[in-house]
């Protein structure tokens, strides 16, 4: 589900060395929010088409049938 979301457009937060990985998925039954610090070199293409080092991943997962109000709060 994350890969499918990423194919719709880059989720790299350009200039912040961060990526916002988020999607609706049938793989979870409740909301998930997490932050992962990346010590090793990880690179991704940002919205400008440039390679950018990623040092932080913000992860938000919601179930397919999640109420819209919960998503807005998250």
PDB file of N, CA and C in Angstrom:
ATOM      1  N   UNK A   1       0.819  -1.195   0.000  1.00  0.00           N
ATOM      2  CA  UNK A   1       0.000   0.000   0.000  1.00  0.00           C
ATOM      3  C   UNK A   1       0.863   1.258   0.000  1.00  0.00           C
ATOM      4  N   UNK A   2       1.965   1.213   0.765  1.00  0.00           N
ATOM      5  CA  UNK A   2       2.868   2.368   0.787  1.00  0.00           C
ATOM      6  C   UNK A   2       3.496   2.590  -0.582  1.00  0.00           C
ATOM      7  N   UNK A   3       3.890   1.515  -1.230  1.00  0.00           N
ATOM      8  CA  UNK A   3       4.494   1.639  -2.556  1.00  0.00           C
ATOM      9  C   UNK A   3       3.489   2.225  -3.547  1.00  0.00           C
ATOM     10  N   UNK A   4       2.264   1.773  -3.483  1.00  0.00           N
ATOM     11  CA  UNK A   4       1.226   2.287  -4.374  1.00  0.00           C
ATOM     12  C   UNK A   4       1.016   3.781  -4.144  1.00  0.00           C
ATOM     13  N   UNK A   5       1.007   4.202  -2.888  1.00  0.00           N
ATOM     14  CA  UNK A   5       0.851   5.632  -2.577  1.00  0.00           C
ATOM     15  C   UNK A   5       2.034   6.436  -3.095  1.00  0.00           C
ATOM     16  N   UNK A   6       3.239   5.916  -2.939  1.00  0.00           N
ATOM     17  CA  UNK A   6       4.443   6.616  -3.383  1.00  0.00           C
ATOM     18  C   UNK A   6       4.457   6.776  -4.902  1.00  0.00           C
ATOM     19  N   UNK A   7       3.864   5.835  -5.629  1.00  0.00           N
ATOM     20  CA  UNK A   7       3.804   5.928  -7.088  1.00  0.00           C
ATOM     21  C   UNK A   7       2.922   7.081  -7.553  1.00  0.00           C
ATOM     22  N   UNK A   8       2.026   7.551  -6.697  1.00  0.00           N
ATOM     23  CA  UNK A   8       1.145   8.673  -7.051  1.00  0.00           C
ATOM     24  C   UNK A   8       1.869  10.006  -6.956  1.00  0.00           C
ATOM     25  N   UNK A   9       2.982  10.047  -6.258  1.00  0.00           N
ATOM     26  CA  UNK A   9       3.752  11.271  -6.105  1.00  0.00           C
ATOM     27  C   UNK A   9       4.702  11.153  -4.940  1.00  0.00           C
ATOM     28  N   UNK A  10       5.809  11.826  -5.050  1.00  0.00           N
ATOM     29  CA  UNK A  10       6.838  11.766  -4.019  1.00  0.00           C
ATOM     30  C   UNK A  10       6.299  12.240  -2.676  1.00  0.00           C
ATOM     31  N   UNK A  11       6.683  11.548  -1.620  1.00  0.00           N
ATOM     32  CA  UNK A  11       6.307  11.951  -0.270  1.00  0.00           C
ATOM     33  C   UNK A  11       7.533  12.438   0.505  1.00  0.00           C
ATOM     34  N   UNK A  12       8.612  12.731  -0.232  1.00  0.00           N
ATOM     35  CA  UNK A  12       9.794  13.319   0.395  1.00  0.00           C
ATOM     36  C   UNK A  12       9.470  14.756   0.778  1.00  0.00           C
ATOM     37  N   UNK A  13       9.788  15.125   1.994  1.00  0.00           N
ATOM     38  CA  UNK A  13       9.595  16.499   2.461  1.00  0.00           C
ATOM     39  C   UNK A  13      10.856  17.271   2.100  1.00  0.00           C
ATOM     40  N   UNK A  14      10.866  17.830   0.918  1.00  0.00           N
ATOM     41  CA  UNK A  14      12.033  18.472   0.335  1.00  0.00           C
ATOM     42  C   UNK A  14      12.642  19.506   1.282  1.00  0.00           C
ATOM     43  N   UNK A  15      13.951  19.377   1.476  1.00  0.00           N
ATOM     44  CA  UNK A  15      14.683  20.310   2.314  1.00  0.00           C
ATOM     45  C   UNK A  15      14.719  19.943   3.787  1.00  0.00           C
ATOM     46  N   UNK A  16      13.994  18.905   4.176  1.00  0.00           N
ATOM     47  CA  UNK A  16      13.938  18.498   5.583  1.00  0.00           C
ATOM     48  C   UNK A  16      14.621  17.160   5.844  1.00  0.00           C
ATOM     49  N   UNK A  17      15.157  16.533   4.803  1.00  0.00           N
ATOM     50  CA  UNK A  17      15.777  15.212   4.908  1.00  0.00           C
ATOM     51  C   UNK A  17      14.804  14.218   5.546  1.00  0.00           C
ATOM     52  N   UNK A  18      13.533  14.315   5.157  1.00  0.00           N
ATOM     53  CA  UNK A  18      12.493  13.469   5.739  1.00  0.00           C
ATOM     54  C   UNK A  18      11.541  12.989   4.655  1.00  0.00           C
ATOM     55  N   UNK A  19      10.854  11.903   4.966  1.00  0.00           N
ATOM     56  CA  UNK A  19       9.843  11.353   4.072  1.00  0.00           C
ATOM     57  C   UNK A  19       8.597  11.065   4.900  1.00  0.00           C
ATOM     58  N   UNK A  20       7.438  11.320   4.337  1.00  0.00           N
ATOM     59  CA  UNK A  20       6.163  11.071   5.003  1.00  0.00           C
ATOM     60  C   UNK A  20       5.519   9.871   4.310  1.00  0.00           C
ATOM     61  N   UNK A  21       5.659   8.712   4.919  1.00  0.00           N
ATOM     62  CA  UNK A  21       5.075   7.490   4.368  1.00  0.00           C
ATOM     63  C   UNK A  21       3.681   7.338   4.963  1.00  0.00           C
ATOM     64  N   UNK A  22       2.659   7.407   4.119  1.00  0.00           N
ATOM     65  CA  UNK A  22       1.293   7.339   4.619  1.00  0.00           C
ATOM     66  C   UNK A  22       0.380   6.692   3.596  1.00  0.00           C
ATOM     67  N   UNK A  23      -0.624   5.958   4.127  1.00  0.00           N
ATOM     68  CA  UNK A  23      -1.593   5.320   3.223  1.00  0.00           C
ATOM     69  C   UNK A  23      -2.740   4.720   4.022  1.00  0.00           C
ATOM     70  N   UNK A  24      -3.784   4.397   3.296  1.00  0.00           N
ATOM     71  CA  UNK A  24      -4.857   3.538   3.803  1.00  0.00           C
ATOM     72  C   UNK A  24      -4.482   2.117   3.404  1.00  0.00           C
ATOM     73  N   UNK A  25      -4.704   1.184   4.301  1.00  0.00           N
ATOM     74  CA  UNK A  25      -4.327  -0.194   3.992  1.00  0.00           C
ATOM     75  C   UNK A  25      -5.184  -1.184   4.761  1.00  0.00           C
ATOM     76  N   UNK A  26      -5.413  -2.324   4.162  1.00  0.00           N
ATOM     77  CA  UNK A  26      -6.139  -3.400   4.846  1.00  0.00           C
ATOM     78  C   UNK A  26      -5.205  -4.183   5.770  1.00  0.00           C
ATOM     79  N   UNK A  27      -3.938  -3.821   5.802  1.00  0.00           N
ATOM     80  CA  UNK A  27      -2.943  -4.524   6.623  1.00  0.00           C
ATOM     81  C   UNK A  27      -2.983  -4.119   8.091  1.00  0.00           C
ATOM     82  N   UNK A  28      -3.696  -3.039   8.431  1.00  0.00           N
ATOM     83  CA  UNK A  28      -3.803  -2.618   9.830  1.00  0.00           C
ATOM     84  C   UNK A  28      -5.268  -2.506  10.229  1.00  0.00           C
ATOM     85  N   UNK A  29      -5.539  -2.644  11.524  1.00  0.00           N
ATOM     86  CA  UNK A  29      -6.916  -2.550  12.019  1.00  0.00           C
ATOM     87  C   UNK A  29      -7.112  -1.317  12.898  1.00  0.00           C
ATOM     88  N   UNK A  30      -6.035  -0.555  13.118  1.00  0.00           N
ATOM     89  CA  UNK A  30      -6.128   0.683  13.878  1.00  0.00           C
ATOM     90  C   UNK A  30      -5.134   1.690  13.314  1.00  0.00           C
ATOM     91  N   UNK A  31      -5.256   2.941  13.739  1.00  0.00           N
ATOM     92  CA  UNK A  31      -4.335   3.976  13.286  1.00  0.00           C
ATOM     93  C   UNK A  31      -2.938   3.716  13.829  1.00  0.00           C
ATOM     94  N   UNK A  32      -1.938   3.968  12.998  1.00  0.00           N
ATOM     95  CA  UNK A  32      -0.544   3.876  13.431  1.00  0.00           C
ATOM     96  C   UNK A  32       0.186   5.149  13.036  1.00  0.00           C
ATOM     97  N   UNK A  33       0.987   5.668  13.974  1.00  0.00           N
ATOM     98  CA  UNK A  33       1.833   6.822  13.732  1.00  0.00           C
ATOM     99  C   UNK A  33       3.186   6.513  14.348  1.00  0.00           C
ATOM    100  N   UNK A  34       4.241   6.727  13.584  1.00  0.00           N
ATOM    101  CA  UNK A  34       5.569   6.470  14.115  1.00  0.00           C
ATOM    102  C   UNK A  34       6.614   7.299  13.405  1.00  0.00           C
ATOM    103  N   UNK A  35       7.745   7.419  14.059  1.00  0.00           N
ATOM    104  CA  UNK A  35       8.881   8.137  13.498  1.00  0.00           C
ATOM    105  C   UNK A  35      10.104   7.241  13.599  1.00  0.00           C
ATOM    106  N   UNK A  36      10.835   7.140  12.499  1.00  0.00           N
ATOM    107  CA  UNK A  36      12.037   6.317  12.451  1.00  0.00           C
ATOM    108  C   UNK A  36      13.208   7.195  12.049  1.00  0.00           C
ATOM    109  N   UNK A  37      14.236   7.224  12.877  1.00  0.00           N
ATOM    110  CA  UNK A  37      15.452   7.952  12.537  1.00  0.00           C
ATOM    111  C   UNK A  37      16.372   7.000  11.774  1.00  0.00           C
ATOM    112  N   UNK A  38      16.920   7.467  10.668  1.00  0.00           N
ATOM    113  CA  UNK A  38      17.742   6.640   9.790  1.00  0.00           C
ATOM    114  C   UNK A  38      19.184   7.118   9.895  1.00  0.00           C
ATOM    115  N   UNK A  39      20.052   6.261  10.444  1.00  0.00           N
ATOM    116  CA  UNK A  39      21.454   6.621  10.641  1.00  0.00           C
ATOM    117  C   UNK A  39      22.290   6.435   9.376  1.00  0.00           C
ATOM    118  N   UNK A  40      21.990   5.414   8.622  1.00  0.00           N
ATOM    119  CA  UNK A  40      22.749   5.112   7.404  1.00  0.00           C
ATOM    120  C   UNK A  40      22.254   5.990   6.254  1.00  0.00           C
ATOM    121  N   UNK A  41      23.048   6.059   5.209  1.00  0.00           N
ATOM    122  CA  UNK A  41      22.660   6.844   4.043  1.00  0.00           C
ATOM    123  C   UNK A  41      21.514   6.207   3.275  1.00  0.00           C
ATOM    124  N   UNK A  42      20.402   6.896   3.191  1.00  0.00           N
ATOM    125  CA  UNK A  42      19.252   6.463   2.411  1.00  0.00           C
ATOM    126  C   UNK A  42      18.869   7.651   1.538  1.00  0.00           C
ATOM    127  N   UNK A  43      18.677   7.412   0.261  1.00  0.00           N
ATOM    128  CA  UNK A  43      18.392   8.504  -0.661  1.00  0.00           C
ATOM    129  C   UNK A  43      17.114   8.209  -1.428  1.00  0.00           C
ATOM    130  N   UNK A  44      16.389   9.278  -1.743  1.00  0.00           N
ATOM    131  CA  UNK A  44      15.170   9.165  -2.532  1.00  0.00           C
ATOM    132  C   UNK A  44      15.059  10.394  -3.421  1.00  0.00           C
ATOM    133  N   UNK A  45      14.285  10.272  -4.457  1.00  0.00           N
ATOM    134  CA  UNK A  45      14.071  11.396  -5.368  1.00  0.00           C
ATOM    135  C   UNK A  45      12.961  12.272  -4.797  1.00  0.00           C
ATOM    136  N   UNK A  46      13.234  13.567  -4.660  1.00  0.00           N
ATOM    137  CA  UNK A  46      12.230  14.483  -4.112  1.00  0.00           C
ATOM    138  C   UNK A  46      11.314  14.999  -5.228  1.00  0.00           C
ATOM    139  N   UNK A  47      10.396  15.871  -4.873  1.00  0.00           N
ATOM    140  CA  UNK A  47       9.405  16.386  -5.833  1.00  0.00           C
ATOM    141  C   UNK A  47      10.042  17.188  -6.960  1.00  0.00           C
ATOM    142  N   UNK A  48      11.260  17.707  -6.727  1.00  0.00           N
ATOM    143  CA  UNK A  48      11.972  18.462  -7.757  1.00  0.00           C
ATOM    144  C   UNK A  48      12.758  17.555  -8.698  1.00  0.00           C
ATOM    145  N   UNK A  49      12.738  16.252  -8.426  1.00  0.00           N
ATOM    146  CA  UNK A  49      13.479  15.295  -9.253  1.00  0.00           C
ATOM    147  C   UNK A  49      14.929  15.143  -8.850  1.00  0.00           C
ATOM    148  N   UNK A  50      15.307  15.719  -7.716  1.00  0.00           N
ATOM    149  CA  UNK A  50      16.681  15.633  -7.232  1.00  0.00           C
ATOM    150  C   UNK A  50      16.807  14.528  -6.188  1.00  0.00           C
ATOM    151  N   UNK A  51      17.995  13.946  -6.085  1.00  0.00           N
ATOM    152  CA  UNK A  51      18.266  12.967  -5.034  1.00  0.00           C
ATOM    153  C   UNK A  51      18.425  13.724  -3.719  1.00  0.00           C
ATOM    154  N   UNK A  52      17.782  13.235  -2.680  1.00  0.00           N
ATOM    155  CA  UNK A  52      17.868  13.866  -1.372  1.00  0.00           C
ATOM    156  C   UNK A  52      18.104  12.798  -0.314  1.00  0.00           C
ATOM    157  N   UNK A  53      19.031  13.078   0.595  1.00  0.00           N
ATOM    158  CA  UNK A  53      19.289  12.143   1.683  1.00  0.00           C
ATOM    159  C   UNK A  53      18.120  12.185   2.657  1.00  0.00           C
ATOM    160  N   UNK A  54      17.697  11.008   3.092  1.00  0.00           N
ATOM    161  CA  UNK A  54      16.594  10.881   4.035  1.00  0.00           C
ATOM    162  C   UNK A  54      17.168  10.420   5.369  1.00  0.00           C
ATOM    163  N   UNK A  55      16.893  11.181   6.419  1.00  0.00           N
ATOM    164  CA  UNK A  55      17.366  10.837   7.757  1.00  0.00           C
ATOM    165  C   UNK A  55      16.216  10.563   8.722  1.00  0.00           C
ATOM    166  N   UNK A  56      14.984  10.841   8.278  1.00  0.00           N
ATOM    167  CA  UNK A  56      13.825  10.677   9.146  1.00  0.00           C
ATOM    168  C   UNK A  56      12.644  10.190   8.315  1.00  0.00           C
ATOM    169  N   UNK A  57      11.944   9.182   8.819  1.00  0.00           N
ATOM    170  CA  UNK A  57      10.728   8.695   8.161  1.00  0.00           C
ATOM    171  C   UNK A  57       9.558   8.850   9.128  1.00  0.00           C
ATOM    172  N   UNK A  58       8.546   9.567   8.691  1.00  0.00           N
ATOM    173  CA  UNK A  58       7.307   9.710   9.452  1.00  0.00           C
ATOM    174  C   UNK A  58       6.314   8.756   8.815  1.00  0.00           C
ATOM    175  N   UNK A  59       5.737   7.877   9.616  1.00  0.00           N
ATOM    176  CA  UNK A  59       4.886   6.814   9.080  1.00  0.00           C
ATOM    177  C   UNK A  59       3.485   6.927   9.675  1.00  0.00           C
ATOM    178  N   UNK A  60       2.494   7.010   8.781  1.00  0.00           N
ATOM    179  CA  UNK A  60       1.098   7.072   9.201  1.00  0.00           C
ATOM    180  C   UNK A  60       0.305   6.056   8.381  1.00  0.00           C
ATOM    181  N   UNK A  61      -0.292   5.098   9.086  1.00  0.00           N
ATOM    182  CA  UNK A  61      -1.093   4.058   8.435  1.00  0.00           C
ATOM    183  C   UNK A  61      -2.494   4.071   9.026  1.00  0.00           C
ATOM    184  N   UNK A  62      -3.498   3.984   8.173  1.00  0.00           N
ATOM    185  CA  UNK A  62      -4.879   3.929   8.642  1.00  0.00           C
ATOM    186  C   UNK A  62      -5.598   2.778   7.942  1.00  0.00           C
ATOM    187  N   UNK A  63      -6.544   2.143   8.645  1.00  0.00           N
ATOM    188  CA  UNK A  63      -7.306   1.066   8.012  1.00  0.00           C
ATOM    189  C   UNK A  63      -8.160   1.592   6.862  1.00  0.00           C
ATOM    190  N   UNK A  64      -8.489   0.719   5.955  1.00  0.00           N
ATOM    191  CA  UNK A  64      -9.296   1.086   4.782  1.00  0.00           C
ATOM    192  C   UNK A  64     -10.594   1.775   5.175  1.00  0.00           C
ATOM    193  N   UNK A  65     -11.244   1.305   6.228  1.00  0.00           N
ATOM    194  CA  UNK A  65     -12.566   1.816   6.597  1.00  0.00           C
ATOM    195  C   UNK A  65     -12.497   2.872   7.698  1.00  0.00           C
ATOM    196  N   UNK A  66     -11.382   3.547   7.831  1.00  0.00           N
ATOM    197  CA  UNK A  66     -11.183   4.540   8.891  1.00  0.00           C
ATOM    198  C   UNK A  66     -12.071   5.764   8.668  1.00  0.00           C
ATOM    199  N   UNK A  67     -12.665   6.245   9.738  1.00  0.00           N
ATOM    200  CA  UNK A  67     -13.503   7.435   9.687  1.00  0.00           C
ATOM    201  C   UNK A  67     -12.672   8.650   9.285  1.00  0.00           C
ATOM    202  N   UNK A  68     -13.210   9.476   8.404  1.00  0.00           N
ATOM    203  CA  UNK A  68     -12.492  10.633   7.880  1.00  0.00           C
ATOM    204  C   UNK A  68     -12.044  11.584   9.001  1.00  0.00           C
ATOM    205  N   UNK A  69     -12.823  11.718  10.057  1.00  0.00           N
ATOM    206  CA  UNK A  69     -12.474  12.610  11.168  1.00  0.00           C
ATOM    207  C   UNK A  69     -11.173  12.175  11.827  1.00  0.00           C
ATOM    208  N   UNK A  70     -10.951  10.879  11.975  1.00  0.00           N
ATOM    209  CA  UNK A  70      -9.707  10.377  12.571  1.00  0.00           C
ATOM    210  C   UNK A  70      -8.502  10.697  11.679  1.00  0.00           C
ATOM    211  N   UNK A  71      -8.701  10.569  10.383  1.00  0.00           N
ATOM    212  CA  UNK A  71      -7.618  10.851   9.449  1.00  0.00           C
ATOM    213  C   UNK A  71      -7.242  12.331   9.508  1.00  0.00           C
ATOM    214  N   UNK A  72      -8.229  13.197   9.597  1.00  0.00           N
ATOM    215  CA  UNK A  72      -7.961  14.631   9.671  1.00  0.00           C
ATOM    216  C   UNK A  72      -7.174  14.983  10.933  1.00  0.00           C
ATOM    217  N   UNK A  73      -7.496  14.340  12.046  1.00  0.00           N
ATOM    218  CA  UNK A  73      -6.777  14.586  13.296  1.00  0.00           C
ATOM    219  C   UNK A  73      -5.332  14.098  13.185  1.00  0.00           C
ATOM    220  N   UNK A  74      -5.158  12.936  12.598  1.00  0.00           N
ATOM    221  CA  UNK A  74      -3.807  12.373  12.436  1.00  0.00           C
ATOM    222  C   UNK A  74      -2.972  13.259  11.563  1.00  0.00           C
TER     223      UNK A  74
END
